[in-house]
């Protein structure tokens, strides 16, 4: 499931925010990809909609500093 989450996150970033889907995308933070706080909220919304998850506020508040790869374990835990 981790690989599927990572692939989906990369696709959200690529399709919704038109950020190059390079090999190193998974190691980038939203901030380093040039996304601002409104983009981060939209990203969270996209993830919530795709997986029907309630993402806790502490994760939302730190999303800008997490790489896509680092975000995956949170999703895995939330999905149970």
PDB file of N, CA and C in Angstrom:
ATOM      1  N   UNK A   1       0.811  -1.197   0.000  1.00  0.00           N
ATOM      2  CA  UNK A   1       0.000   0.000   0.000  1.00  0.00           C
ATOM      3  C   UNK A   1       0.856   1.264   0.000  1.00  0.00           C
ATOM      4  N   UNK A   2       2.023   1.204   0.642  1.00  0.00           N
ATOM      5  CA  UNK A   2       2.882   2.384   0.689  1.00  0.00           C
ATOM      6  C   UNK A   2       3.236   2.886  -0.706  1.00  0.00           C
ATOM      7  N   UNK A   3       3.561   1.971  -1.607  1.00  0.00           N
ATOM      8  CA  UNK A   3       3.914   2.362  -2.968  1.00  0.00           C
ATOM      9  C   UNK A   3       2.719   2.994  -3.681  1.00  0.00           C
ATOM     10  N   UNK A   4       1.538   2.475  -3.405  1.00  0.00           N
ATOM     11  CA  UNK A   4       0.325   3.041  -4.008  1.00  0.00           C
ATOM     12  C   UNK A   4       0.064   4.446  -3.474  1.00  0.00           C
ATOM     13  N   UNK A   5       0.195   4.627  -2.150  1.00  0.00           N
ATOM     14  CA  UNK A   5       0.035   5.957  -1.565  1.00  0.00           C
ATOM     15  C   UNK A   5       1.022   6.937  -2.192  1.00  0.00           C
ATOM     16  N   UNK A   6       2.278   6.537  -2.267  1.00  0.00           N
ATOM     17  CA  UNK A   6       3.312   7.417  -2.798  1.00  0.00           C
ATOM     18  C   UNK A   6       3.020   7.781  -4.247  1.00  0.00           C
ATOM     19  N   UNK A   7       2.632   6.814  -5.022  1.00  0.00           N
ATOM     20  CA  UNK A   7       2.286   7.066  -6.420  1.00  0.00           C
ATOM     21  C   UNK A   7       1.111   8.036  -6.530  1.00  0.00           C
ATOM     22  N   UNK A   8       0.104   7.826  -5.701  1.00  0.00           N
ATOM     23  CA  UNK A   8      -1.066   8.713  -5.718  1.00  0.00           C
ATOM     24  C   UNK A   8      -0.703  10.133  -5.293  1.00  0.00           C
ATOM     25  N   UNK A   9       0.131  10.268  -4.267  1.00  0.00           N
ATOM     26  CA  UNK A   9       0.552  11.595  -3.821  1.00  0.00           C
ATOM     27  C   UNK A   9       1.319  12.315  -4.917  1.00  0.00           C
ATOM     28  N   UNK A  10       2.208  11.599  -5.580  1.00  0.00           N
ATOM     29  CA  UNK A  10       2.963  12.192  -6.678  1.00  0.00           C
ATOM     30  C   UNK A  10       2.027  12.622  -7.795  1.00  0.00           C
ATOM     31  N   UNK A  11       1.026  11.808  -8.087  1.00  0.00           N
ATOM     32  CA  UNK A  11       0.069  12.158  -9.133  1.00  0.00           C
ATOM     33  C   UNK A  11      -0.758  13.384  -8.760  1.00  0.00           C
ATOM     34  N   UNK A  12      -1.149  13.494  -7.501  1.00  0.00           N
ATOM     35  CA  UNK A  12      -1.893  14.683  -7.055  1.00  0.00           C
ATOM     36  C   UNK A  12      -1.042  15.934  -7.259  1.00  0.00           C
ATOM     37  N   UNK A  13       0.208  15.868  -6.833  1.00  0.00           N
ATOM     38  CA  UNK A  13       1.109  17.021  -6.982  1.00  0.00           C
ATOM     39  C   UNK A  13       1.306  17.341  -8.461  1.00  0.00           C
ATOM     40  N   UNK A  14       1.491  16.336  -9.274  1.00  0.00           N
ATOM     41  CA  UNK A  14       1.731  16.541 -10.701  1.00  0.00           C
ATOM     42  C   UNK A  14       0.492  17.087 -11.404  1.00  0.00           C
ATOM     43  N   UNK A  15      -0.652  16.445 -11.204  1.00  0.00           N
ATOM     44  CA  UNK A  15      -1.863  16.812 -11.936  1.00  0.00           C
ATOM     45  C   UNK A  15      -2.510  18.092 -11.417  1.00  0.00           C
ATOM     46  N   UNK A  16      -2.605  18.229 -10.118  1.00  0.00           N
ATOM     47  CA  UNK A  16      -3.318  19.378  -9.535  1.00  0.00           C
ATOM     48  C   UNK A  16      -2.462  20.640  -9.529  1.00  0.00           C
ATOM     49  N   UNK A  17      -1.172  20.484  -9.302  1.00  0.00           N
ATOM     50  CA  UNK A  17      -0.311  21.650  -9.122  1.00  0.00           C
ATOM     51  C   UNK A  17       0.711  21.827 -10.245  1.00  0.00           C
ATOM     52  N   UNK A  18       0.639  20.982 -11.271  1.00  0.00           N
ATOM     53  CA  UNK A  18       1.519  21.061 -12.443  1.00  0.00           C
ATOM     54  C   UNK A  18       2.995  21.139 -12.066  1.00  0.00           C
ATOM     55  N   UNK A  19       3.371  20.334 -11.073  1.00  0.00           N
ATOM     56  CA  UNK A  19       4.769  20.256 -10.666  1.00  0.00           C
ATOM     57  C   UNK A  19       5.364  19.016 -11.308  1.00  0.00           C
ATOM     58  N   UNK A  20       6.532  19.170 -11.895  1.00  0.00           N
ATOM     59  CA  UNK A  20       7.198  18.105 -12.637  1.00  0.00           C
ATOM     60  C   UNK A  20       7.263  16.813 -11.823  1.00  0.00           C
ATOM     61  N   UNK A  21       6.820  15.736 -12.427  1.00  0.00           N
ATOM     62  CA  UNK A  21       6.795  14.424 -11.777  1.00  0.00           C
ATOM     63  C   UNK A  21       8.143  13.731 -11.969  1.00  0.00           C
ATOM     64  N   UNK A  22       9.180  14.334 -11.387  1.00  0.00           N
ATOM     65  CA  UNK A  22      10.531  13.786 -11.528  1.00  0.00           C
ATOM     66  C   UNK A  22      10.752  12.639 -10.559  1.00  0.00           C
ATOM     67  N   UNK A  23      11.838  11.939 -10.738  1.00  0.00           N
ATOM     68  CA  UNK A  23      12.170  10.801  -9.879  1.00  0.00           C
ATOM     69  C   UNK A  23      12.342  11.215  -8.421  1.00  0.00           C
ATOM     70  N   UNK A  24      12.812  12.425  -8.178  1.00  0.00           N
ATOM     71  CA  UNK A  24      13.107  12.870  -6.824  1.00  0.00           C
ATOM     72  C   UNK A  24      11.906  13.538  -6.144  1.00  0.00           C
ATOM     73  N   UNK A  25      10.767  13.567  -6.784  1.00  0.00           N
ATOM     74  CA  UNK A  25       9.585  14.225  -6.243  1.00  0.00           C
ATOM     75  C   UNK A  25       9.220  13.696  -4.867  1.00  0.00           C
ATOM     76  N   UNK A  26       9.376  12.414  -4.661  1.00  0.00           N
ATOM     77  CA  UNK A  26       8.984  11.806  -3.388  1.00  0.00           C
ATOM     78  C   UNK A  26       9.812  12.300  -2.204  1.00  0.00           C
ATOM     79  N   UNK A  27      11.003  12.820  -2.467  1.00  0.00           N
ATOM     80  CA  UNK A  27      11.868  13.305  -1.390  1.00  0.00           C
ATOM     81  C   UNK A  27      11.722  14.804  -1.144  1.00  0.00           C
ATOM     82  N   UNK A  28      10.868  15.456  -1.892  1.00  0.00           N
ATOM     83  CA  UNK A  28      10.679  16.896  -1.769  1.00  0.00           C
ATOM     84  C   UNK A  28       9.555  17.220  -0.783  1.00  0.00           C
ATOM     85  N   UNK A  29       9.719  18.316  -0.052  1.00  0.00           N
ATOM     86  CA  UNK A  29       8.626  18.810   0.778  1.00  0.00           C
ATOM     87  C   UNK A  29       7.725  19.677  -0.094  1.00  0.00           C
ATOM     88  N   UNK A  30       6.516  19.912   0.376  1.00  0.00           N
ATOM     89  CA  UNK A  30       5.621  20.787  -0.376  1.00  0.00           C
ATOM     90  C   UNK A  30       6.241  22.173  -0.500  1.00  0.00           C
ATOM     91  N   UNK A  31       6.884  22.614   0.544  1.00  0.00           N
ATOM     92  CA  UNK A  31       7.538  23.916   0.531  1.00  0.00           C
ATOM     93  C   UNK A  31       8.653  23.976  -0.518  1.00  0.00           C
ATOM     94  N   UNK A  32       9.472  22.945  -0.575  1.00  0.00           N
ATOM     95  CA  UNK A  32      10.575  22.945  -1.543  1.00  0.00           C
ATOM     96  C   UNK A  32      10.082  22.822  -2.984  1.00  0.00           C
ATOM     97  N   UNK A  33       8.845  22.370  -3.136  1.00  0.00           N
ATOM     98  CA  UNK A  33       8.241  22.295  -4.470  1.00  0.00           C
ATOM     99  C   UNK A  33       7.612  23.625  -4.886  1.00  0.00           C
ATOM    100  N   UNK A  34       7.695  24.608  -4.000  1.00  0.00           N
ATOM    101  CA  UNK A  34       7.185  25.931  -4.319  1.00  0.00           C
ATOM    102  C   UNK A  34       5.716  26.123  -3.964  1.00  0.00           C
ATOM    103  N   UNK A  35       5.157  25.194  -3.207  1.00  0.00           N
ATOM    104  CA  UNK A  35       3.761  25.310  -2.829  1.00  0.00           C
ATOM    105  C   UNK A  35       3.637  26.198  -1.594  1.00  0.00           C
ATOM    106  N   UNK A  36       2.553  26.967  -1.536  1.00  0.00           N
ATOM    107  CA  UNK A  36       2.317  27.810  -0.371  1.00  0.00           C
ATOM    108  C   UNK A  36       1.274  27.156   0.535  1.00  0.00           C
ATOM    109  N   UNK A  37       0.884  27.849   1.590  1.00  0.00           N
ATOM    110  CA  UNK A  37      -0.026  27.256   2.570  1.00  0.00           C
ATOM    111  C   UNK A  37      -1.409  26.957   1.977  1.00  0.00           C
ATOM    112  N   UNK A  38      -1.872  27.765   1.045  1.00  0.00           N
ATOM    113  CA  UNK A  38      -3.160  27.474   0.392  1.00  0.00           C
ATOM    114  C   UNK A  38      -3.060  26.228  -0.476  1.00  0.00           C
ATOM    115  N   UNK A  39      -1.933  26.077  -1.160  1.00  0.00           N
ATOM    116  CA  UNK A  39      -1.702  24.851  -1.936  1.00  0.00           C
ATOM    117  C   UNK A  39      -1.684  23.640  -1.016  1.00  0.00           C
ATOM    118  N   UNK A  40      -1.065  23.795   0.152  1.00  0.00           N
ATOM    119  CA  UNK A  40      -0.989  22.687   1.110  1.00  0.00           C
ATOM    120  C   UNK A  40      -2.384  22.281   1.577  1.00  0.00           C
ATOM    121  N   UNK A  41      -3.234  23.266   1.835  1.00  0.00           N
ATOM    122  CA  UNK A  41      -4.611  22.959   2.229  1.00  0.00           C
ATOM    123  C   UNK A  41      -5.353  22.230   1.107  1.00  0.00           C
ATOM    124  N   UNK A  42      -5.133  22.668  -0.117  1.00  0.00           N
ATOM    125  CA  UNK A  42      -5.755  22.003  -1.256  1.00  0.00           C
ATOM    126  C   UNK A  42      -5.229  20.576  -1.399  1.00  0.00           C
ATOM    127  N   UNK A  43      -3.930  20.400  -1.184  1.00  0.00           N
ATOM    128  CA  UNK A  43      -3.322  19.070  -1.238  1.00  0.00           C
ATOM    129  C   UNK A  43      -3.966  18.159  -0.192  1.00  0.00           C
ATOM    130  N   UNK A  44      -4.106  18.659   1.043  1.00  0.00           N
ATOM    131  CA  UNK A  44      -4.740  17.891   2.119  1.00  0.00           C
ATOM    132  C   UNK A  44      -6.171  17.521   1.713  1.00  0.00           C
ATOM    133  N   UNK A  45      -6.880  18.480   1.153  1.00  0.00           N
ATOM    134  CA  UNK A  45      -8.257  18.231   0.706  1.00  0.00           C
ATOM    135  C   UNK A  45      -8.287  17.107  -0.337  1.00  0.00           C
ATOM    136  N   UNK A  46      -7.370  17.159  -1.289  1.00  0.00           N
ATOM    137  CA  UNK A  46      -7.309  16.128  -2.332  1.00  0.00           C
ATOM    138  C   UNK A  46      -7.073  14.747  -1.727  1.00  0.00           C
ATOM    139  N   UNK A  47      -6.178  14.680  -0.757  1.00  0.00           N
ATOM    140  CA  UNK A  47      -5.872  13.401  -0.094  1.00  0.00           C
ATOM    141  C   UNK A  47      -7.084  12.915   0.692  1.00  0.00           C
ATOM    142  N   UNK A  48      -7.729  13.831   1.406  1.00  0.00           N
ATOM    143  CA  UNK A  48      -8.937  13.461   2.168  1.00  0.00           C
ATOM    144  C   UNK A  48     -10.011  12.889   1.253  1.00  0.00           C
ATOM    145  N   UNK A  49     -10.223  13.554   0.145  1.00  0.00           N
ATOM    146  CA  UNK A  49     -11.247  13.118  -0.794  1.00  0.00           C
ATOM    147  C   UNK A  49     -10.913  11.757  -1.411  1.00  0.00           C
ATOM    148  N   UNK A  50      -9.679  11.573  -1.769  1.00  0.00           N
ATOM    149  CA  UNK A  50      -9.273  10.327  -2.423  1.00  0.00           C
ATOM    150  C   UNK A  50      -9.405   9.128  -1.498  1.00  0.00           C
ATOM    151  N   UNK A  51      -9.017   9.310  -0.237  1.00  0.00           N
ATOM    152  CA  UNK A  51      -8.973   8.171   0.689  1.00  0.00           C
ATOM    153  C   UNK A  51     -10.037   8.206   1.782  1.00  0.00           C
ATOM    154  N   UNK A  52     -10.868   9.233   1.793  1.00  0.00           N
ATOM    155  CA  UNK A  52     -11.901   9.378   2.815  1.00  0.00           C
ATOM    156  C   UNK A  52     -11.291   9.271   4.213  1.00  0.00           C
ATOM    157  N   UNK A  53     -10.249  10.075   4.441  1.00  0.00           N
ATOM    158  CA  UNK A  53      -9.528  10.077   5.711  1.00  0.00           C
ATOM    159  C   UNK A  53      -9.713  11.400   6.430  1.00  0.00           C
ATOM    160  N   UNK A  54      -9.695  11.347   7.742  1.00  0.00           N
ATOM    161  CA  UNK A  54      -9.678  12.546   8.556  1.00  0.00           C
ATOM    162  C   UNK A  54      -8.232  12.753   9.009  1.00  0.00           C
ATOM    163  N   UNK A  55      -7.570  13.705   8.419  1.00  0.00           N
ATOM    164  CA  UNK A  55      -6.159  13.947   8.720  1.00  0.00           C
ATOM    165  C   UNK A  55      -6.077  14.872   9.935  1.00  0.00           C
ATOM    166  N   UNK A  56      -5.403  14.435  10.999  1.00  0.00           N
ATOM    167  CA  UNK A  56      -5.320  15.236  12.227  1.00  0.00           C
ATOM    168  C   UNK A  56      -4.644  16.586  12.005  1.00  0.00           C
ATOM    169  N   UNK A  57      -5.033  17.545  12.827  1.00  0.00           N
ATOM    170  CA  UNK A  57      -4.502  18.910  12.718  1.00  0.00           C
ATOM    171  C   UNK A  57      -2.984  18.969  12.864  1.00  0.00           C
ATOM    172  N   UNK A  58      -2.399  18.120  13.721  1.00  0.00           N
ATOM    173  CA  UNK A  58      -0.943  18.180  13.897  1.00  0.00           C
ATOM    174  C   UNK A  58      -0.216  17.802  12.613  1.00  0.00           C
ATOM    175  N   UNK A  59      -0.783  16.878  11.853  1.00  0.00           N
ATOM    176  CA  UNK A  59      -0.181  16.519  10.559  1.00  0.00           C
ATOM    177  C   UNK A  59      -0.407  17.650   9.565  1.00  0.00           C
ATOM    178  N   UNK A  60      -1.618  18.191   9.535  1.00  0.00           N
ATOM    179  CA  UNK A  60      -1.909  19.322   8.643  1.00  0.00           C
ATOM    180  C   UNK A  60      -0.947  20.478   8.908  1.00  0.00           C
ATOM    181  N   UNK A  61      -0.708  20.756  10.179  1.00  0.00           N
ATOM    182  CA  UNK A  61       0.154  21.881  10.544  1.00  0.00           C
ATOM    183  C   UNK A  61       1.607  21.667  10.141  1.00  0.00           C
ATOM    184  N   UNK A  62       2.011  20.420   9.973  1.00  0.00           N
ATOM    185  CA  UNK A  62       3.405  20.121   9.619  1.00  0.00           C
ATOM    186  C   UNK A  62       3.581  19.663   8.177  1.00  0.00           C
ATOM    187  N   UNK A  63       2.523  19.669   7.407  1.00  0.00           N
ATOM    188  CA  UNK A  63       2.579  19.107   6.056  1.00  0.00           C
ATOM    189  C   UNK A  63       3.615  19.803   5.169  1.00  0.00           C
ATOM    190  N   UNK A  64       3.836  21.086   5.355  1.00  0.00           N
ATOM    191  CA  UNK A  64       4.783  21.806   4.501  1.00  0.00           C
ATOM    192  C   UNK A  64       6.215  21.309   4.689  1.00  0.00           C
ATOM    193  N   UNK A  65       6.507  20.751   5.851  1.00  0.00           N
ATOM    194  CA  UNK A  65       7.874  20.310   6.127  1.00  0.00           C
ATOM    195  C   UNK A  65       8.069  18.807   5.930  1.00  0.00           C
ATOM    196  N   UNK A  66       7.016  18.103   5.552  1.00  0.00           N
ATOM    197  CA  UNK A  66       7.126  16.659   5.304  1.00  0.00           C
ATOM    198  C   UNK A  66       7.367  16.400   3.827  1.00  0.00           C
ATOM    199  N   UNK A  67       8.236  15.452   3.543  1.00  0.00           N
ATOM    200  CA  UNK A  67       8.363  15.017   2.150  1.00  0.00           C
ATOM    201  C   UNK A  67       7.175  14.111   1.843  1.00  0.00           C
ATOM    202  N   UNK A  68       6.912  13.916   0.575  1.00  0.00           N
ATOM    203  CA  UNK A  68       5.812  13.014   0.206  1.00  0.00           C
ATOM    204  C   UNK A  68       6.061  11.628   0.784  1.00  0.00           C
ATOM    205  N   UNK A  69       7.319  11.196   0.736  1.00  0.00           N
ATOM    206  CA  UNK A  69       7.680   9.880   1.269  1.00  0.00           C
ATOM    207  C   UNK A  69       7.444   9.816   2.777  1.00  0.00           C
ATOM    208  N   UNK A  70       7.700  10.911   3.479  1.00  0.00           N
ATOM    209  CA  UNK A  70       7.486  10.955   4.935  1.00  0.00           C
ATOM    210  C   UNK A  70       6.009  11.019   5.303  1.00  0.00           C
ATOM    211  N   UNK A  71       5.179  11.481   4.390  1.00  0.00           N
ATOM    212  CA  UNK A  71       3.738  11.588   4.625  1.00  0.00           C
ATOM    213  C   UNK A  71       3.050  10.218   4.527  1.00  0.00           C
ATOM    214  N   UNK A  72       3.613   9.321   3.758  1.00  0.00           N
ATOM    215  CA  UNK A  72       3.018   7.997   3.518  1.00  0.00           C
ATOM    216  C   UNK A  72       2.742   7.206   4.806  1.00  0.00           C
ATOM    217  N   UNK A  73       3.686   7.108   5.753  1.00  0.00           N
ATOM    218  CA  UNK A  73       3.380   6.343   6.979  1.00  0.00           C
ATOM    219  C   UNK A  73       2.179   6.891   7.747  1.00  0.00           C
ATOM    220  N   UNK A  74       1.985   8.202   7.707  1.00  0.00           N
ATOM    221  CA  UNK A  74       0.801   8.777   8.367  1.00  0.00           C
ATOM    222  C   UNK A  74      -0.476   8.277   7.698  1.00  0.00           C
ATOM    223  N   UNK A  75      -0.472   8.256   6.381  1.00  0.00           N
ATOM    224  CA  UNK A  75      -1.652   7.771   5.660  1.00  0.00           C
ATOM    225  C   UNK A  75      -1.906   6.303   5.929  1.00  0.00           C
ATOM    226  N   UNK A  76      -0.835   5.531   5.970  1.00  0.00           N
ATOM    227  CA  UNK A  76      -0.958   4.096   6.237  1.00  0.00           C
ATOM    228  C   UNK A  76      -1.574   3.866   7.616  1.00  0.00           C
ATOM    229  N   UNK A  77      -1.102   4.616   8.601  1.00  0.00           N
ATOM    230  CA  UNK A  77      -1.648   4.500   9.949  1.00  0.00           C
ATOM    231  C   UNK A  77      -3.112   4.923  10.014  1.00  0.00           C
ATOM    232  N   UNK A  78      -3.443   6.011   9.345  1.00  0.00           N
ATOM    233  CA  UNK A  78      -4.816   6.521   9.365  1.00  0.00           C
ATOM    234  C   UNK A  78      -5.784   5.551   8.694  1.00  0.00           C
ATOM    235  N   UNK A  79      -5.297   4.880   7.667  1.00  0.00           N
ATOM    236  CA  UNK A  79      -6.165   3.954   6.954  1.00  0.00           C
ATOM    237  C   UNK A  79      -6.368   2.662   7.751  1.00  0.00           C
ATOM    238  N   UNK A  80      -5.426   2.404   8.645  1.00  0.00           N
ATOM    239  CA  UNK A  80      -5.541   1.257   9.558  1.00  0.00           C
ATOM    240  C   UNK A  80      -5.423  -0.024   8.877  1.00  0.00           C
TER     241      UNK A  80
END
